[in-house]
Amino acid sequence: MNNTRFATAIHIMTLLAESEQKWLTSEWLAGSININPVIVRKEISVLREAGLIISRQGKEGGSHLARKADDIKISEIYLAVKNTEVLGKKNNNPNPACPIGKEINNHLGTLFSETNQLVLNFLGNKTLQEFLDRFK
């Protein structure tokens, strides 16, 4: 994942955990992250679809955690926003006449899968609350 989606999502989730019962707006969250609120709203949508946050619209609108921070695993956040393999993408059209080229994507698929599993195992049981506690 060679982008900032996970960093943005974990930042959003940590802010929501810190403000447990408050409804935080995308504008307020964006101010902490120092990004455009549109990007925050996009990630909020993804996190809401994953069941990690709830949101409401209107004058008293905003977002907050759907569950307690102790019950949210960092791996859940990672899976919600993961859109590429950790190691990147495979080559689209390797040369099928090449002994390496004809098999490279099969072997890369295995390597990518094993690497992704290592990341998930590492994040495993780490909770959002444990991450939040680092700031205290």
Protein backbone atom coordinates (compact mmCIF):
# COMPACT_ATOMS: atom_id res chain seq x y z
CA MET A 1 0.00 0.00 0.00
CA ASN A 2 2.04 2.89 -1.30
CA ASN A 3 -0.32 5.68 -0.33
CA THR A 4 -1.54 7.49 2.76
CA ARG A 5 -4.96 5.85 3.10
CA PHE A 6 -4.00 3.75 6.12
CA ALA A 7 -2.27 6.70 7.81
CA THR A 8 -5.33 8.88 7.19
CA ALA A 9 -7.73 6.20 8.42
CA ILE A 10 -5.76 5.48 11.60
CA HIS A 11 -5.52 9.24 12.25
CA ILE A 12 -9.30 9.57 11.89
CA MET A 13 -9.95 6.57 14.10
CA THR A 14 -7.51 7.77 16.77
CA LEU A 15 -9.16 11.19 16.89
CA LEU A 16 -12.58 9.57 17.21
CA ALA A 17 -11.29 7.28 19.98
CA GLU A 18 -9.82 10.26 21.84
CA SER A 19 -13.16 12.10 21.66
CA GLU A 20 -15.16 8.96 22.41
CA GLN A 21 -18.76 10.21 22.55
CA LYS A 22 -18.42 13.48 20.62
CA TRP A 23 -19.60 13.79 17.03
CA LEU A 24 -16.56 15.08 15.12
CA THR A 25 -17.05 16.76 11.74
CA SER A 26 -14.99 15.99 8.66
CA GLU A 27 -13.78 19.61 8.71
CA TRP A 28 -12.50 19.23 12.28
CA LEU A 29 -10.83 15.90 11.49
CA ALA A 30 -9.28 17.35 8.33
CA GLY A 31 -7.82 20.19 10.38
CA SER A 32 -5.86 17.75 12.53
CA ILE A 33 -4.68 15.71 9.55
CA ASN A 34 -4.05 18.87 7.53
CA ILE A 35 -5.84 17.58 4.43
CA ASN A 36 -8.94 18.47 2.46
CA PRO A 37 -12.23 17.51 4.20
CA VAL A 38 -13.34 15.77 0.97
CA ILE A 39 -10.57 13.19 1.48
CA VAL A 40 -11.67 12.71 5.08
CA ARG A 41 -15.29 12.20 3.99
CA LYS A 42 -14.16 9.57 1.48
CA GLU A 43 -12.30 7.63 4.17
CA ILE A 44 -15.18 8.07 6.62
CA SER A 45 -17.44 6.45 4.04
CA VAL A 46 -15.09 3.48 3.74
CA LEU A 47 -14.74 3.14 7.51
CA ARG A 48 -18.52 3.39 7.94
CA GLU A 49 -19.06 0.63 5.34
CA ALA A 50 -16.63 -1.53 7.31
CA GLY A 51 -18.74 -1.00 10.45
CA LEU A 52 -15.99 0.87 12.30
CA ILE A 53 -17.69 4.25 12.63
CA ILE A 54 -21.16 5.74 12.51
CA SER A 55 -22.04 9.12 11.09
CA ARG A 56 -24.97 11.46 11.06
CA GLN A 57 -25.71 14.49 8.92
CA GLY A 58 -27.02 17.90 9.73
CA LYS A 59 -26.29 20.68 12.18
CA GLU A 60 -25.37 18.25 14.94
CA GLY A 61 -23.71 15.85 12.52
CA GLY A 62 -20.36 14.19 12.53
CA SER A 63 -18.84 10.78 13.17
CA HIS A 64 -17.84 8.65 16.11
CA LEU A 65 -16.69 5.08 16.71
CA ALA A 66 -19.22 2.30 16.19
CA ARG A 67 -17.58 0.28 18.97
CA LYS A 68 -15.24 0.94 21.85
CA ALA A 69 -11.60 1.45 20.87
CA ASP A 70 -10.71 -1.72 22.82
CA ASP A 71 -12.93 -3.69 20.45
CA ILE A 72 -11.45 -2.34 17.21
CA LYS A 73 -8.38 -4.07 15.84
CA ILE A 74 -5.79 -2.16 13.83
CA SER A 75 -6.00 -5.00 11.30
CA GLU A 76 -9.69 -4.13 10.72
CA ILE A 77 -8.73 -0.56 9.84
CA TYR A 78 -5.98 -1.82 7.55
CA LEU A 79 -8.33 -4.20 5.73
CA ALA A 80 -10.98 -1.51 5.35
CA VAL A 81 -8.68 0.83 3.41
CA LYS A 82 -6.28 -1.63 1.76
CA ASN A 83 -6.56 -1.22 -1.99
CA THR A 84 -3.26 -2.65 -3.23
CA GLU A 85 -0.82 -5.31 -2.18
CA VAL A 86 1.89 -4.29 0.27
CA LEU A 87 4.54 -4.99 -2.37
CA GLY A 88 2.71 -3.26 -5.21
CA LYS A 89 1.24 -4.70 -8.38
CA LYS A 90 2.25 -7.57 -10.61
CA ASN A 91 3.49 -6.99 -14.14
CA ASN A 92 0.55 -6.95 -16.54
CA ASN A 93 2.03 -8.68 -19.56
CA PRO A 94 5.27 -10.55 -18.94
CA ASN A 95 6.72 -12.35 -21.94
CA PRO A 96 5.18 -15.87 -22.05
CA ALA A 97 8.15 -17.11 -24.10
CA CYS A 98 10.54 -16.26 -21.26
CA PRO A 99 11.04 -19.04 -18.68
CA ILE A 100 10.82 -16.47 -15.88
CA GLY A 101 8.18 -14.25 -17.50
CA LYS A 102 5.69 -17.07 -18.02
CA GLU A 103 5.69 -17.96 -14.30
CA ILE A 104 6.57 -14.72 -12.55
CA ASN A 105 3.02 -13.64 -11.70
CA ASN A 106 2.18 -17.03 -10.12
CA HIS A 107 5.21 -16.78 -7.86
CA LEU A 108 4.61 -13.10 -7.15
CA GLY A 109 1.03 -13.94 -6.17
CA THR A 110 2.34 -16.35 -3.54
CA LEU A 111 4.91 -13.82 -2.31
CA PHE A 112 2.28 -11.06 -2.11
CA SER A 113 -0.14 -13.31 -0.26
CA GLU A 114 2.51 -14.39 2.26
CA THR A 115 3.58 -10.76 2.83
CA ASN A 116 0.00 -9.63 3.33
CA GLN A 117 -0.51 -12.40 5.89
CA LEU A 118 2.62 -11.27 7.76
CA VAL A 119 1.22 -7.73 7.96
CA LEU A 120 -2.15 -9.01 9.21
CA ASN A 121 -0.45 -11.26 11.76
CA PHE A 122 1.66 -8.33 12.99
CA LEU A 123 -1.35 -6.04 13.33
CA GLY A 124 -3.39 -8.99 14.62
CA ASN A 125 -4.67 -8.27 18.09
CA LYS A 126 -3.36 -4.72 18.42
CA THR A 127 -6.30 -2.51 19.33
CA LEU A 128 -7.11 1.07 18.54
CA GLN A 129 -7.07 1.74 22.29
CA GLU A 130 -3.49 0.45 22.56
CA PHE A 131 -2.52 2.79 19.74
CA LEU A 132 -4.32 5.71 21.38
CA ASP A 133 -2.54 5.01 24.69
CA ARG A 134 0.78 5.83 22.99
CA PHE A 135 -0.27 9.49 22.97
CA LYS A 136 -0.66 9.70 26.74
